[in-house]
Every structure is written in structure tokens, then in C-alpha cells.
């Protein structure tokens, strides 16, 4: 999961406990979405500024996630409001 264009983020939610995240795709023009994972293939998110995303973005997310070894059949789609 160490692509040359990956960004890494370290987040603390509770004091000394940190979570590591990999930003492997980002809409650099409008910052409207980001594809983010944990340090392994257990955690995966498509983060969006809007409640819905275009089908093309979702397809790109699925394709790039598969290339990184994620089981996209296990994705959970959440209805946002």
C-alpha cells in the first residue's frame, strides 16, 4: 500500500492513542472527495463533502481499492442525509 503518491495521516482521538491513515486518492481541484484506508486492508473509506458521489467517482474508488488488495464485496454503503 505504499504508492509513491500516497499521503499519510496520523490522528489522535484519545490522548496518546493514534490511528494511522493512508490517503491514496484526493480530488486536488475541489477537495470534494478522498479515498482513505488504514495501514492495512481492514479499513477503507470514501470521504465526500456531499451526501452523494457521482457514479464515476464510486467506480474509481472500487477499482483503486481492488488494485490495493481490498475486498470490495465487503463494502458497506451508508445512506447520507
PDB file of N, CA and C in Angstrom:
ATOM      1  N   UNK A   1       0.802  -1.187   0.000  1.00  0.00           N
ATOM      2  CA  UNK A   1       0.000   0.000   0.000  1.00  0.00           C
ATOM      3  C   UNK A   1       0.850   1.258   0.000  1.00  0.00           C
ATOM      4  N   UNK A   2       2.093   1.163  -0.330  1.00  0.00           N
ATOM      5  CA  UNK A   2       2.969   2.332  -0.271  1.00  0.00           C
ATOM      6  C   UNK A   2       3.215   2.908  -1.657  1.00  0.00           C
ATOM      7  N   UNK A   3       2.158   3.405  -2.300  1.00  0.00           N
ATOM      8  CA  UNK A   3       2.320   4.058  -3.585  1.00  0.00           C
ATOM      9  C   UNK A   3       3.100   5.349  -3.426  1.00  0.00           C
ATOM     10  N   UNK A   4       3.787   5.748  -4.464  1.00  0.00           N
ATOM     11  CA  UNK A   4       4.641   6.933  -4.361  1.00  0.00           C
ATOM     12  C   UNK A   4       3.848   8.218  -4.176  1.00  0.00           C
ATOM     13  N   UNK A   5       2.566   8.208  -4.488  1.00  0.00           N
ATOM     14  CA  UNK A   5       1.757   9.422  -4.345  1.00  0.00           C
ATOM     15  C   UNK A   5       0.841   9.360  -3.134  1.00  0.00           C
ATOM     16  N   UNK A   6       0.982   8.350  -2.288  1.00  0.00           N
ATOM     17  CA  UNK A   6       0.150   8.228  -1.093  1.00  0.00           C
ATOM     18  C   UNK A   6       0.503   9.306  -0.084  1.00  0.00           C
ATOM     19  N   UNK A   7      -0.507   9.768   0.634  1.00  0.00           N
ATOM     20  CA  UNK A   7      -0.289  10.676   1.753  1.00  0.00           C
ATOM     21  C   UNK A   7      -0.588   9.933   3.036  1.00  0.00           C
ATOM     22  N   UNK A   8       0.097  10.255   4.099  1.00  0.00           N
ATOM     23  CA  UNK A   8      -0.097   9.555   5.365  1.00  0.00           C
ATOM     24  C   UNK A   8      -0.559  10.539   6.422  1.00  0.00           C
ATOM     25  N   UNK A   9      -1.467  10.077   7.265  1.00  0.00           N
ATOM     26  CA  UNK A   9      -2.072  10.929   8.275  1.00  0.00           C
ATOM     27  C   UNK A   9      -2.090  10.178   9.594  1.00  0.00           C
ATOM     28  N   UNK A  10      -1.689  10.831  10.643  1.00  0.00           N
ATOM     29  CA  UNK A  10      -1.697  10.249  11.985  1.00  0.00           C
ATOM     30  C   UNK A  10      -2.680  11.066  12.818  1.00  0.00           C
ATOM     31  N   UNK A  11      -3.712  10.407  13.365  1.00  0.00           N
ATOM     32  CA  UNK A  11      -4.783  11.096  14.085  1.00  0.00           C
ATOM     33  C   UNK A  11      -4.881  10.563  15.502  1.00  0.00           C
ATOM     34  N   UNK A  12      -5.025  11.464  16.457  1.00  0.00           N
ATOM     35  CA  UNK A  12      -5.222  11.076  17.852  1.00  0.00           C
ATOM     36  C   UNK A  12      -6.645  11.423  18.258  1.00  0.00           C
ATOM     37  N   UNK A  13      -7.389  10.422  18.703  1.00  0.00           N
ATOM     38  CA  UNK A  13      -8.748  10.641  19.180  1.00  0.00           C
ATOM     39  C   UNK A  13      -8.792  10.712  20.702  1.00  0.00           C
ATOM     40  N   UNK A  14      -7.927   9.951  21.343  1.00  0.00           N
ATOM     41  CA  UNK A  14      -7.926   9.870  22.802  1.00  0.00           C
ATOM     42  C   UNK A  14      -6.495   9.931  23.322  1.00  0.00           C
ATOM     43  N   UNK A  15      -6.015  11.125  23.562  1.00  0.00           N
ATOM     44  CA  UNK A  15      -4.691  11.285  24.159  1.00  0.00           C
ATOM     45  C   UNK A  15      -3.582  10.617  23.388  1.00  0.00           C
ATOM     46  N   UNK A  16      -2.910   9.646  24.023  1.00  0.00           N
ATOM     47  CA  UNK A  16      -1.723   9.057  23.403  1.00  0.00           C
ATOM     48  C   UNK A  16      -2.037   7.955  22.386  1.00  0.00           C
ATOM     49  N   UNK A  17      -3.309   7.711  22.082  1.00  0.00           N
ATOM     50  CA  UNK A  17      -3.680   6.638  21.160  1.00  0.00           C
ATOM     51  C   UNK A  17      -3.873   7.209  19.760  1.00  0.00           C
ATOM     52  N   UNK A  18      -3.108   6.687  18.820  1.00  0.00           N
ATOM     53  CA  UNK A  18      -3.110   7.223  17.468  1.00  0.00           C
ATOM     54  C   UNK A  18      -3.622   6.205  16.466  1.00  0.00           C
ATOM     55  N   UNK A  19      -4.214   6.708  15.415  1.00  0.00           N
ATOM     56  CA  UNK A  19      -4.604   5.897  14.274  1.00  0.00           C
ATOM     57  C   UNK A  19      -3.844   6.383  13.055  1.00  0.00           C
ATOM     58  N   UNK A  20      -3.388   5.445  12.246  1.00  0.00           N
ATOM     59  CA  UNK A  20      -2.664   5.794  11.026  1.00  0.00           C
ATOM     60  C   UNK A  20      -3.583   5.610   9.830  1.00  0.00           C
ATOM     61  N   UNK A  21      -3.564   6.567   8.937  1.00  0.00           N
ATOM     62  CA  UNK A  21      -4.415   6.527   7.757  1.00  0.00           C
ATOM     63  C   UNK A  21      -3.594   6.827   6.518  1.00  0.00           C
ATOM     64  N   UNK A  22      -4.014   6.233   5.399  1.00  0.00           N
ATOM     65  CA  UNK A  22      -3.366   6.445   4.114  1.00  0.00           C
ATOM     66  C   UNK A  22      -4.378   7.124   3.189  1.00  0.00           C
ATOM     67  N   UNK A  23      -4.033   8.287   2.680  1.00  0.00           N
ATOM     68  CA  UNK A  23      -4.866   8.976   1.694  1.00  0.00           C
ATOM     69  C   UNK A  23      -4.300   8.598   0.329  1.00  0.00           C
ATOM     70  N   UNK A  24      -4.994   7.702  -0.387  1.00  0.00           N
ATOM     71  CA  UNK A  24      -4.424   7.216  -1.642  1.00  0.00           C
ATOM     72  C   UNK A  24      -5.047   7.847  -2.883  1.00  0.00           C
ATOM     73  N   UNK A  25      -6.044   8.685  -2.707  1.00  0.00           N
ATOM     74  CA  UNK A  25      -6.587   9.466  -3.823  1.00  0.00           C
ATOM     75  C   UNK A  25      -7.280  10.691  -3.242  1.00  0.00           C
ATOM     76  N   UNK A  26      -7.115  11.813  -3.912  1.00  0.00           N
ATOM     77  CA  UNK A  26      -7.679  13.069  -3.432  1.00  0.00           C
ATOM     78  C   UNK A  26      -8.077  13.920  -4.627  1.00  0.00           C
ATOM     79  N   UNK A  27      -9.257  14.496  -4.565  1.00  0.00           N
ATOM     80  CA  UNK A  27      -9.672  15.461  -5.582  1.00  0.00           C
ATOM     81  C   UNK A  27      -8.897  16.746  -5.316  1.00  0.00           C
ATOM     82  N   UNK A  28      -7.813  16.927  -6.036  1.00  0.00           N
ATOM     83  CA  UNK A  28      -6.915  18.058  -5.788  1.00  0.00           C
ATOM     84  C   UNK A  28      -7.469  19.388  -6.313  1.00  0.00           C
ATOM     85  N   UNK A  29      -8.477  19.314  -7.165  1.00  0.00           N
ATOM     86  CA  UNK A  29      -9.040  20.550  -7.717  1.00  0.00           C
ATOM     87  C   UNK A  29     -10.034  21.199  -6.751  1.00  0.00           C
ATOM     88  N   UNK A  30     -10.988  20.407  -6.249  1.00  0.00           N
ATOM     89  CA  UNK A  30     -12.046  20.952  -5.384  1.00  0.00           C
ATOM     90  C   UNK A  30     -12.066  20.360  -3.979  1.00  0.00           C
ATOM     91  N   UNK A  31     -11.219  19.373  -3.742  1.00  0.00           N
ATOM     92  CA  UNK A  31     -11.214  18.660  -2.458  1.00  0.00           C
ATOM     93  C   UNK A  31     -12.608  18.133  -2.123  1.00  0.00           C
ATOM     94  N   UNK A  32     -13.302  17.616  -3.140  1.00  0.00           N
ATOM     95  CA  UNK A  32     -14.665  17.131  -2.933  1.00  0.00           C
ATOM     96  C   UNK A  32     -14.707  15.691  -2.430  1.00  0.00           C
ATOM     97  N   UNK A  33     -13.612  14.935  -2.596  1.00  0.00           N
ATOM     98  CA  UNK A  33     -13.577  13.565  -2.088  1.00  0.00           C
ATOM     99  C   UNK A  33     -12.145  13.151  -1.780  1.00  0.00           C
ATOM    100  N   UNK A  34     -12.050  12.107  -0.965  1.00  0.00           N
ATOM    101  CA  UNK A  34     -10.759  11.487  -0.661  1.00  0.00           C
ATOM    102  C   UNK A  34     -10.987   9.995  -0.469  1.00  0.00           C
ATOM    103  N   UNK A  35     -10.053   9.185  -0.936  1.00  0.00           N
ATOM    104  CA  UNK A  35     -10.067   7.747  -0.705  1.00  0.00           C
ATOM    105  C   UNK A  35      -9.046   7.485   0.394  1.00  0.00           C
ATOM    106  N   UNK A  36      -9.491   6.890   1.483  1.00  0.00           N
ATOM    107  CA  UNK A  36      -8.656   6.738   2.674  1.00  0.00           C
ATOM    108  C   UNK A  36      -8.731   5.302   3.167  1.00  0.00           C
ATOM    109  N   UNK A  37      -7.606   4.795   3.656  1.00  0.00           N
ATOM    110  CA  UNK A  37      -7.579   3.457   4.248  1.00  0.00           C
ATOM    111  C   UNK A  37      -6.779   3.488   5.536  1.00  0.00           C
ATOM    112  N   UNK A  38      -6.858   2.383   6.248  1.00  0.00           N
ATOM    113  CA  UNK A  38      -5.977   2.181   7.381  1.00  0.00           C
ATOM    114  C   UNK A  38      -4.637   1.704   6.854  1.00  0.00           C
ATOM    115  N   UNK A  39      -3.722   1.330   7.735  1.00  0.00           N
ATOM    116  CA  UNK A  39      -2.390   0.902   7.297  1.00  0.00           C
ATOM    117  C   UNK A  39      -2.380  -0.483   6.642  1.00  0.00           C
ATOM    118  N   UNK A  40      -3.516  -1.193   6.716  1.00  0.00           N
ATOM    119  CA  UNK A  40      -3.629  -2.499   6.064  1.00  0.00           C
ATOM    120  C   UNK A  40      -4.972  -2.546   5.338  1.00  0.00           C
ATOM    121  N   UNK A  41      -5.426  -3.727   4.957  1.00  0.00           N
ATOM    122  CA  UNK A  41      -6.666  -3.826   4.179  1.00  0.00           C
ATOM    123  C   UNK A  41      -7.907  -4.063   5.044  1.00  0.00           C
ATOM    124  N   UNK A  42      -7.846  -3.710   6.313  1.00  0.00           N
ATOM    125  CA  UNK A  42      -9.019  -3.865   7.183  1.00  0.00           C
ATOM    126  C   UNK A  42      -9.980  -2.688   7.111  1.00  0.00           C
ATOM    127  N   UNK A  43      -9.470  -1.483   6.872  1.00  0.00           N
ATOM    128  CA  UNK A  43     -10.303  -0.282   6.916  1.00  0.00           C
ATOM    129  C   UNK A  43     -10.194   0.509   5.624  1.00  0.00           C
ATOM    130  N   UNK A  44     -11.351   0.979   5.149  1.00  0.00           N
ATOM    131  CA  UNK A  44     -11.406   1.680   3.873  1.00  0.00           C
ATOM    132  C   UNK A  44     -12.585   2.649   3.881  1.00  0.00           C
ATOM    133  N   UNK A  45     -12.345   3.887   3.422  1.00  0.00           N
ATOM    134  CA  UNK A  45     -13.408   4.891   3.387  1.00  0.00           C
ATOM    135  C   UNK A  45     -13.339   5.701   2.102  1.00  0.00           C
ATOM    136  N   UNK A  46     -14.502   6.099   1.625  1.00  0.00           N
ATOM    137  CA  UNK A  46     -14.614   7.128   0.603  1.00  0.00           C
ATOM    138  C   UNK A  46     -15.233   8.315   1.329  1.00  0.00           C
ATOM    139  N   UNK A  47     -14.465   9.371   1.504  1.00  0.00           N
ATOM    140  CA  UNK A  47     -14.943  10.563   2.196  1.00  0.00           C
ATOM    141  C   UNK A  47     -15.358  11.597   1.159  1.00  0.00           C
ATOM    142  N   UNK A  48     -16.528  12.204   1.368  1.00  0.00           N
ATOM    143  CA  UNK A  48     -17.060  13.164   0.414  1.00  0.00           C
ATOM    144  C   UNK A  48     -17.625  14.375   1.136  1.00  0.00           C
ATOM    145  N   UNK A  49     -17.553  15.518   0.487  1.00  0.00           N
ATOM    146  CA  UNK A  49     -18.149  16.736   1.052  1.00  0.00           C
ATOM    147  C   UNK A  49     -19.664  16.762   0.860  1.00  0.00           C
ATOM    148  N   UNK A  50     -20.171  15.914  -0.029  1.00  0.00           N
ATOM    149  CA  UNK A  50     -21.601  15.891  -0.323  1.00  0.00           C
ATOM    150  C   UNK A  50     -22.200  14.546   0.084  1.00  0.00           C
ATOM    151  N   UNK A  51     -23.521  14.485   0.308  1.00  0.00           N
ATOM    152  CA  UNK A  51     -24.157  13.224   0.715  1.00  0.00           C
ATOM    153  C   UNK A  51     -24.096  12.137  -0.358  1.00  0.00           C
ATOM    154  N   UNK A  52     -23.950  12.521  -1.618  1.00  0.00           N
ATOM    155  CA  UNK A  52     -23.854  11.540  -2.695  1.00  0.00           C
ATOM    156  C   UNK A  52     -22.606  11.839  -3.528  1.00  0.00           C
ATOM    157  N   UNK A  53     -22.124  10.813  -4.214  1.00  0.00           N
ATOM    158  CA  UNK A  53     -20.988  10.986  -5.129  1.00  0.00           C
ATOM    159  C   UNK A  53     -21.396  10.490  -6.507  1.00  0.00           C
ATOM    160  N   UNK A  54     -20.763  11.041  -7.516  1.00  0.00           N
ATOM    161  CA  UNK A  54     -21.037  10.614  -8.882  1.00  0.00           C
ATOM    162  C   UNK A  54     -20.622   9.158  -9.053  1.00  0.00           C
ATOM    163  N   UNK A  55     -21.322   8.459  -9.943  1.00  0.00           N
ATOM    164  CA  UNK A  55     -21.044   7.045 -10.192  1.00  0.00           C
ATOM    165  C   UNK A  55     -19.585   6.844 -10.624  1.00  0.00           C
ATOM    166  N   UNK A  56     -19.057   7.755 -11.420  1.00  0.00           N
ATOM    167  CA  UNK A  56     -17.671   7.634 -11.881  1.00  0.00           C
ATOM    168  C   UNK A  56     -16.670   7.662 -10.741  1.00  0.00           C
ATOM    169  N   UNK A  57     -16.933   8.474  -9.729  1.00  0.00           N
ATOM    170  CA  UNK A  57     -16.047   8.534  -8.561  1.00  0.00           C
ATOM    171  C   UNK A  57     -16.134   7.230  -7.785  1.00  0.00           C
ATOM    172  N   UNK A  58     -17.347   6.716  -7.611  1.00  0.00           N
ATOM    173  CA  UNK A  58     -17.520   5.443  -6.907  1.00  0.00           C
ATOM    174  C   UNK A  58     -16.821   4.316  -7.661  1.00  0.00           C
ATOM    175  N   UNK A  59     -16.965   4.282  -8.983  1.00  0.00           N
ATOM    176  CA  UNK A  59     -16.291   3.256  -9.790  1.00  0.00           C
ATOM    177  C   UNK A  59     -14.774   3.355  -9.648  1.00  0.00           C
ATOM    178  N   UNK A  60     -14.249   4.573  -9.659  1.00  0.00           N
ATOM    179  CA  UNK A  60     -12.804   4.783  -9.487  1.00  0.00           C
ATOM    180  C   UNK A  60     -12.354   4.302  -8.110  1.00  0.00           C
ATOM    181  N   UNK A  61     -13.147   4.600  -7.083  1.00  0.00           N
ATOM    182  CA  UNK A  61     -12.855   4.159  -5.713  1.00  0.00           C
ATOM    183  C   UNK A  61     -12.779   2.636  -5.648  1.00  0.00           C
ATOM    184  N   UNK A  62     -13.761   1.963  -6.231  1.00  0.00           N
ATOM    185  CA  UNK A  62     -13.786   0.497  -6.212  1.00  0.00           C
ATOM    186  C   UNK A  62     -12.583  -0.062  -6.961  1.00  0.00           C
ATOM    187  N   UNK A  63     -12.300   0.470  -8.136  1.00  0.00           N
ATOM    188  CA  UNK A  63     -11.170  -0.010  -8.935  1.00  0.00           C
ATOM    189  C   UNK A  63      -9.838   0.175  -8.202  1.00  0.00           C
ATOM    190  N   UNK A  64      -9.599   1.371  -7.679  1.00  0.00           N
ATOM    191  CA  UNK A  64      -8.334   1.635  -6.983  1.00  0.00           C
ATOM    192  C   UNK A  64      -8.221   0.805  -5.706  1.00  0.00           C
ATOM    193  N   UNK A  65      -9.335   0.573  -5.037  1.00  0.00           N
ATOM    194  CA  UNK A  65      -9.325  -0.232  -3.814  1.00  0.00           C
ATOM    195  C   UNK A  65      -8.988  -1.683  -4.124  1.00  0.00           C
ATOM    196  N   UNK A  66      -9.566  -2.222  -5.195  1.00  0.00           N
ATOM    197  CA  UNK A  66      -9.244  -3.595  -5.615  1.00  0.00           C
ATOM    198  C   UNK A  66      -7.758  -3.722  -5.935  1.00  0.00           C
ATOM    199  N   UNK A  67      -7.215  -2.727  -6.647  1.00  0.00           N
ATOM    200  CA  UNK A  67      -5.791  -2.745  -7.006  1.00  0.00           C
ATOM    201  C   UNK A  67      -4.904  -2.780  -5.768  1.00  0.00           C
ATOM    202  N   UNK A  68      -5.385  -2.250  -4.664  1.00  0.00           N
ATOM    203  CA  UNK A  68      -4.619  -2.210  -3.410  1.00  0.00           C
ATOM    204  C   UNK A  68      -4.899  -3.418  -2.523  1.00  0.00           C
ATOM    205  N   UNK A  69      -5.695  -4.357  -3.014  1.00  0.00           N
ATOM    206  CA  UNK A  69      -5.911  -5.602  -2.283  1.00  0.00           C
ATOM    207  C   UNK A  69      -7.139  -5.639  -1.389  1.00  0.00           C
ATOM    208  N   UNK A  70      -8.015  -4.650  -1.493  1.00  0.00           N
ATOM    209  CA  UNK A  70      -9.226  -4.640  -0.672  1.00  0.00           C
ATOM    210  C   UNK A  70     -10.299  -5.527  -1.288  1.00  0.00           C
ATOM    211  N   UNK A  71     -11.063  -6.196  -0.429  1.00  0.00           N
ATOM    212  CA  UNK A  71     -12.212  -6.985  -0.860  1.00  0.00           C
ATOM    213  C   UNK A  71     -13.405  -6.035  -0.946  1.00  0.00           C
ATOM    214  N   UNK A  72     -13.673  -5.520  -2.126  1.00  0.00           N
ATOM    215  CA  UNK A  72     -14.731  -4.523  -2.284  1.00  0.00           C
ATOM    216  C   UNK A  72     -16.129  -5.127  -2.176  1.00  0.00           C
ATOM    217  N   UNK A  73     -16.233  -6.440  -2.142  1.00  0.00           N
ATOM    218  CA  UNK A  73     -17.534  -7.078  -1.908  1.00  0.00           C
ATOM    219  C   UNK A  73     -17.993  -6.864  -0.474  1.00  0.00           C
ATOM    220  N   UNK A  74     -17.090  -6.471   0.400  1.00  0.00           N
ATOM    221  CA  UNK A  74     -17.425  -6.252   1.808  1.00  0.00           C
ATOM    222  C   UNK A  74     -17.759  -4.789   2.114  1.00  0.00           C
ATOM    223  N   UNK A  75     -17.770  -3.937   1.106  1.00  0.00           N
ATOM    224  CA  UNK A  75     -18.073  -2.523   1.328  1.00  0.00           C
ATOM    225  C   UNK A  75     -19.486  -2.350   1.874  1.00  0.00           C
ATOM    226  N   UNK A  76     -19.641  -1.416   2.774  1.00  0.00           N
ATOM    227  CA  UNK A  76     -20.945  -1.070   3.338  1.00  0.00           C
ATOM    228  C   UNK A  76     -21.277   0.335   2.850  1.00  0.00           C
ATOM    229  N   UNK A  77     -22.391   0.453   2.161  1.00  0.00           N
ATOM    230  CA  UNK A  77     -22.818   1.746   1.631  1.00  0.00           C
ATOM    231  C   UNK A  77     -23.794   2.378   2.614  1.00  0.00           C
ATOM    232  N   UNK A  78     -23.488   3.587   3.039  1.00  0.00           N
ATOM    233  CA  UNK A  78     -24.291   4.280   4.042  1.00  0.00           C
ATOM    234  C   UNK A  78     -25.087   5.388   3.355  1.00  0.00           C
ATOM    235  N   UNK A  79     -26.387   5.421   3.621  1.00  0.00           N
ATOM    236  CA  UNK A  79     -27.235   6.489   3.093  1.00  0.00           C
ATOM    237  C   UNK A  79     -26.999   7.750   3.912  1.00  0.00           C
ATOM    238  N   UNK A  80     -26.474   8.777   3.283  1.00  0.00           N
ATOM    239  CA  UNK A  80     -26.188  10.034   3.974  1.00  0.00           C
ATOM    240  C   UNK A  80     -27.344  11.008   3.797  1.00  0.00           C
ATOM    241  N   UNK A  81     -27.485  11.912   4.734  1.00  0.00           N
ATOM    242  CA  UNK A  81     -28.553  12.917   4.641  1.00  0.00           C
ATOM    243  C   UNK A  81     -27.970  14.303   4.623  1.00  0.00           C
TER     244      UNK A  81
END
